[in-house]
N, C-alpha and C. Protein backbone atom coordinates (compact mmCIF):
# COMPACT_ATOMS: atom_id res chain seq x y z
N MET A 1 78.42 -121.05 21.40
CA MET A 1 77.10 -121.02 20.75
C MET A 1 75.86 -121.13 21.17
N PRO A 2 76.00 -122.11 22.54
CA PRO A 2 74.64 -122.57 23.36
C PRO A 2 74.17 -121.44 24.08
N TRP A 3 75.20 -120.81 24.55
CA TRP A 3 74.73 -119.66 25.51
C TRP A 3 73.70 -118.79 24.68
N LEU A 4 73.78 -118.72 23.29
CA LEU A 4 73.30 -117.70 22.59
C LEU A 4 71.52 -118.09 22.51
N ILE A 5 71.61 -119.39 22.21
CA ILE A 5 70.10 -120.29 22.09
C ILE A 5 69.63 -119.88 23.66
N PHE A 6 70.26 -120.34 24.77
CA PHE A 6 69.57 -120.15 26.11
C PHE A 6 69.14 -118.49 26.27
N SER A 7 70.31 -117.78 25.92
CA SER A 7 70.01 -116.03 26.23
C SER A 7 68.64 -116.01 25.19
N VAL A 8 68.36 -116.50 24.20
CA VAL A 8 67.10 -116.01 23.50
C VAL A 8 66.08 -116.55 23.77
N ALA A 9 66.02 -117.89 24.58
CA ALA A 9 65.02 -118.62 25.24
C ALA A 9 64.69 -117.60 26.37
N VAL A 10 65.59 -117.22 27.42
CA VAL A 10 65.44 -116.60 28.34
C VAL A 10 64.69 -115.06 28.30
N LEU A 11 65.22 -114.55 27.13
CA LEU A 11 64.76 -113.44 27.03
C LEU A 11 63.22 -113.58 26.62
N SER A 12 62.87 -114.30 25.63
CA SER A 12 61.60 -114.32 25.13
C SER A 12 60.74 -114.89 26.20
N THR A 13 60.94 -115.72 27.22
CA THR A 13 60.12 -116.32 28.11
C THR A 13 59.91 -114.92 29.11
N ALA A 14 61.15 -114.06 29.51
CA ALA A 14 60.94 -112.63 30.08
C ALA A 14 59.74 -111.80 29.55
N GLY A 15 59.86 -111.81 28.05
CA GLY A 15 59.27 -110.85 27.32
C GLY A 15 57.67 -111.16 27.54
N LEU A 16 57.49 -112.72 27.17
CA LEU A 16 56.12 -113.07 27.18
C LEU A 16 55.78 -113.31 28.82
N LEU A 17 56.24 -112.95 29.86
CA LEU A 17 55.95 -112.93 31.13
C LEU A 17 55.39 -111.29 31.38
N VAL A 18 56.16 -110.44 30.97
CA VAL A 18 56.00 -109.22 31.05
C VAL A 18 54.41 -108.57 30.26
N LEU A 19 54.76 -109.23 28.98
CA LEU A 19 53.17 -108.98 28.49
C LEU A 19 51.76 -109.64 28.94
N GLY A 20 52.26 -110.97 29.82
CA GLY A 20 51.30 -111.53 30.40
C GLY A 20 50.75 -110.63 31.91
N ALA A 21 51.62 -110.00 32.33
CA ALA A 21 51.28 -109.14 33.43
C ALA A 21 50.55 -107.76 32.85
N LEU A 22 51.42 -107.23 31.68
CA LEU A 22 50.50 -106.05 31.23
C LEU A 22 48.82 -106.24 31.00
N ALA A 23 49.15 -107.62 30.39
CA ALA A 23 47.40 -107.82 29.88
C ALA A 23 46.49 -108.04 31.10
N VAL A 24 46.96 -108.66 32.51
CA VAL A 24 46.18 -108.68 33.41
C VAL A 24 45.82 -107.51 33.95
N ARG A 25 46.93 -106.34 33.92
CA ARG A 25 46.58 -104.92 34.24
C ARG A 25 45.69 -104.30 33.54
N VAL A 26 45.84 -104.58 32.21
CA VAL A 26 44.67 -103.90 31.33
C VAL A 26 43.39 -104.44 31.56
N TYR A 27 43.49 -105.92 31.81
CA TYR A 27 41.80 -106.29 32.01
C TYR A 27 41.32 -105.90 33.10
N ARG A 28 42.04 -105.62 34.30
CA ARG A 28 41.68 -105.08 35.53
C ARG A 28 40.90 -103.70 35.52
N GLU A 29 41.89 -103.01 34.55
CA GLU A 29 41.33 -101.56 34.30
C GLU A 29 40.04 -101.39 33.45
N VAL A 30 40.33 -102.54 32.66
CA VAL A 30 38.73 -102.47 31.66
C VAL A 30 37.47 -102.71 32.58
N LEU A 31 37.79 -103.68 33.70
CA LEU A 31 36.55 -104.09 34.29
C LEU A 31 36.23 -102.85 35.16
N LEU A 32 36.96 -102.19 35.86
CA LEU A 32 37.01 -100.91 36.35
C LEU A 32 36.17 -99.72 35.75
N LEU A 33 36.70 -99.62 34.41
CA LEU A 33 36.06 -98.89 33.51
C LEU A 33 34.57 -99.01 33.21
N SER A 34 34.29 -100.41 33.13
CA SER A 34 32.97 -100.78 32.74
C SER A 34 32.17 -100.75 33.80
N ARG A 35 32.42 -101.15 35.19
CA ARG A 35 31.50 -100.74 36.44
C ARG A 35 31.12 -99.38 36.48
N GLU A 36 32.43 -98.54 36.32
CA GLU A 36 32.10 -96.97 36.47
C GLU A 36 31.13 -96.62 35.49
N LEU A 37 31.06 -97.19 34.04
CA LEU A 37 30.23 -96.77 33.00
C LEU A 37 28.97 -97.09 33.23
N ASP A 38 28.59 -98.46 33.89
CA ASP A 38 27.38 -98.91 34.12
C ASP A 38 26.73 -98.09 35.28
N GLY A 39 27.42 -97.45 36.14
CA GLY A 39 26.96 -96.88 37.35
C GLY A 39 26.66 -95.51 36.72
N SER A 40 27.27 -95.03 35.44
CA SER A 40 27.16 -93.55 35.04
C SER A 40 25.93 -93.89 34.24
N ALA A 41 25.47 -94.90 33.51
CA ALA A 41 24.29 -95.01 32.81
C ALA A 41 23.00 -95.25 33.73
N ARG A 42 23.54 -95.72 34.54
CA ARG A 42 22.41 -95.98 35.73
C ARG A 42 21.80 -94.44 36.45
N ARG A 43 22.95 -94.02 36.57
CA ARG A 43 22.41 -92.50 37.24
C ARG A 43 22.08 -91.81 36.24
N LEU A 44 22.57 -91.73 35.04
CA LEU A 44 21.70 -90.77 33.82
C LEU A 44 20.24 -91.38 33.58
N SER A 45 19.98 -92.47 33.57
CA SER A 45 18.80 -93.15 33.23
C SER A 45 17.66 -92.66 34.66
N ARG A 46 18.04 -92.95 35.71
CA ARG A 46 17.64 -92.12 37.00
C ARG A 46 17.18 -90.40 36.99
N SER A 47 18.22 -89.87 36.13
CA SER A 47 17.93 -88.37 36.11
C SER A 47 16.98 -88.35 34.99
N ALA A 48 17.30 -88.79 33.98
CA ALA A 48 16.42 -88.63 32.84
C ALA A 48 14.66 -88.73 33.29
N ALA A 49 14.55 -90.14 34.05
CA ALA A 49 13.24 -90.47 34.59
C ALA A 49 12.86 -89.11 35.40
N ALA A 50 13.45 -88.41 36.29
CA ALA A 50 13.16 -87.58 37.19
C ALA A 50 12.90 -86.27 36.60
N LEU A 51 13.73 -85.80 35.45
CA LEU A 51 13.16 -84.72 34.51
C LEU A 51 11.86 -84.95 34.05
N GLU A 52 11.71 -86.22 33.44
CA GLU A 52 10.37 -86.41 32.66
C GLU A 52 9.39 -86.39 33.74
N PHE A 53 9.52 -86.82 34.60
CA PHE A 53 8.38 -86.39 35.89
C PHE A 53 8.28 -85.10 36.20
N ALA A 54 9.51 -84.22 36.45
CA ALA A 54 8.95 -82.87 36.66
C ALA A 54 8.49 -82.14 35.72
N ALA A 55 9.17 -82.56 34.46
CA ALA A 55 8.52 -81.64 33.06
C ALA A 55 7.16 -81.85 32.73
N GLU A 56 6.59 -82.88 33.07
CA GLU A 56 4.94 -83.35 33.02
C GLU A 56 4.10 -82.15 33.05
N PRO A 57 4.26 -81.79 34.17
CA PRO A 57 3.40 -80.66 35.05
C PRO A 57 3.46 -79.48 34.12
N VAL A 58 4.71 -79.04 33.96
CA VAL A 58 4.80 -77.99 32.99
C VAL A 58 4.47 -78.04 31.65
N ALA A 59 4.55 -79.12 30.84
CA ALA A 59 4.02 -79.51 29.66
C ALA A 59 2.69 -79.22 29.60
N ARG A 60 2.17 -79.65 30.46
CA ARG A 60 0.71 -79.74 30.61
C ARG A 60 0.12 -78.19 30.81
N ARG A 61 0.79 -77.53 31.82
CA ARG A 61 0.53 -76.11 31.85
C ARG A 61 0.53 -75.37 30.60
N ALA A 62 1.82 -75.74 30.05
CA ALA A 62 1.90 -75.06 28.62
C ALA A 62 0.74 -75.20 27.78
N GLY A 63 0.48 -76.63 27.73
CA GLY A 63 -0.80 -76.84 26.62
C GLY A 63 -2.10 -76.14 27.21
N GLN A 64 -2.11 -76.08 28.35
CA GLN A 64 -3.42 -75.40 28.64
C GLN A 64 -3.20 -73.89 28.38
N LEU A 65 -1.92 -73.45 28.51
CA LEU A 65 -2.20 -71.94 28.00
C LEU A 65 -2.55 -71.46 26.54
N VAL A 66 -1.94 -72.56 25.68
CA VAL A 66 -2.08 -72.50 24.31
C VAL A 66 -3.38 -72.54 23.82
N LEU A 67 -4.41 -73.77 24.71
CA LEU A 67 -5.67 -74.10 24.25
C LEU A 67 -6.37 -72.87 24.60
N ASN A 68 -6.20 -72.19 25.69
CA ASN A 68 -7.09 -71.05 26.28
C ASN A 68 -6.61 -69.78 25.64
N GLU A 69 -5.76 -69.71 24.94
CA GLU A 69 -5.02 -68.24 24.11
C GLU A 69 -6.44 -67.64 23.46
N PRO A 70 -6.40 -66.46 23.41
CA PRO A 70 -8.09 -66.12 22.70
C PRO A 70 -7.35 -66.03 21.27
N GLU A 71 -7.95 -66.14 20.28
CA GLU A 71 -8.04 -65.99 18.83
C GLU A 71 -7.57 -64.49 18.63
N PRO A 72 -6.65 -64.61 17.76
CA PRO A 72 -6.25 -63.10 17.20
C PRO A 72 -7.29 -62.58 16.36
N THR A 73 -7.64 -61.23 16.39
CA THR A 73 -8.64 -60.60 15.53
C THR A 73 -8.13 -59.70 14.42
């Protein structure tokens, strides 16, 4: 009967070690994912700023066209 208690303790310890190793792997992957998401957010922000900068002259020109449009008679 003591071998049963010993085997249960060994299997429990092995299971906890496996769960710990998997938790470390998940943590590393989450860190990598968060870094990639941060980089993507920064690139998106830069792209949005560039688009806004490029769209400003177009919007001004469109506003001038609307203001200079002759009135319908």
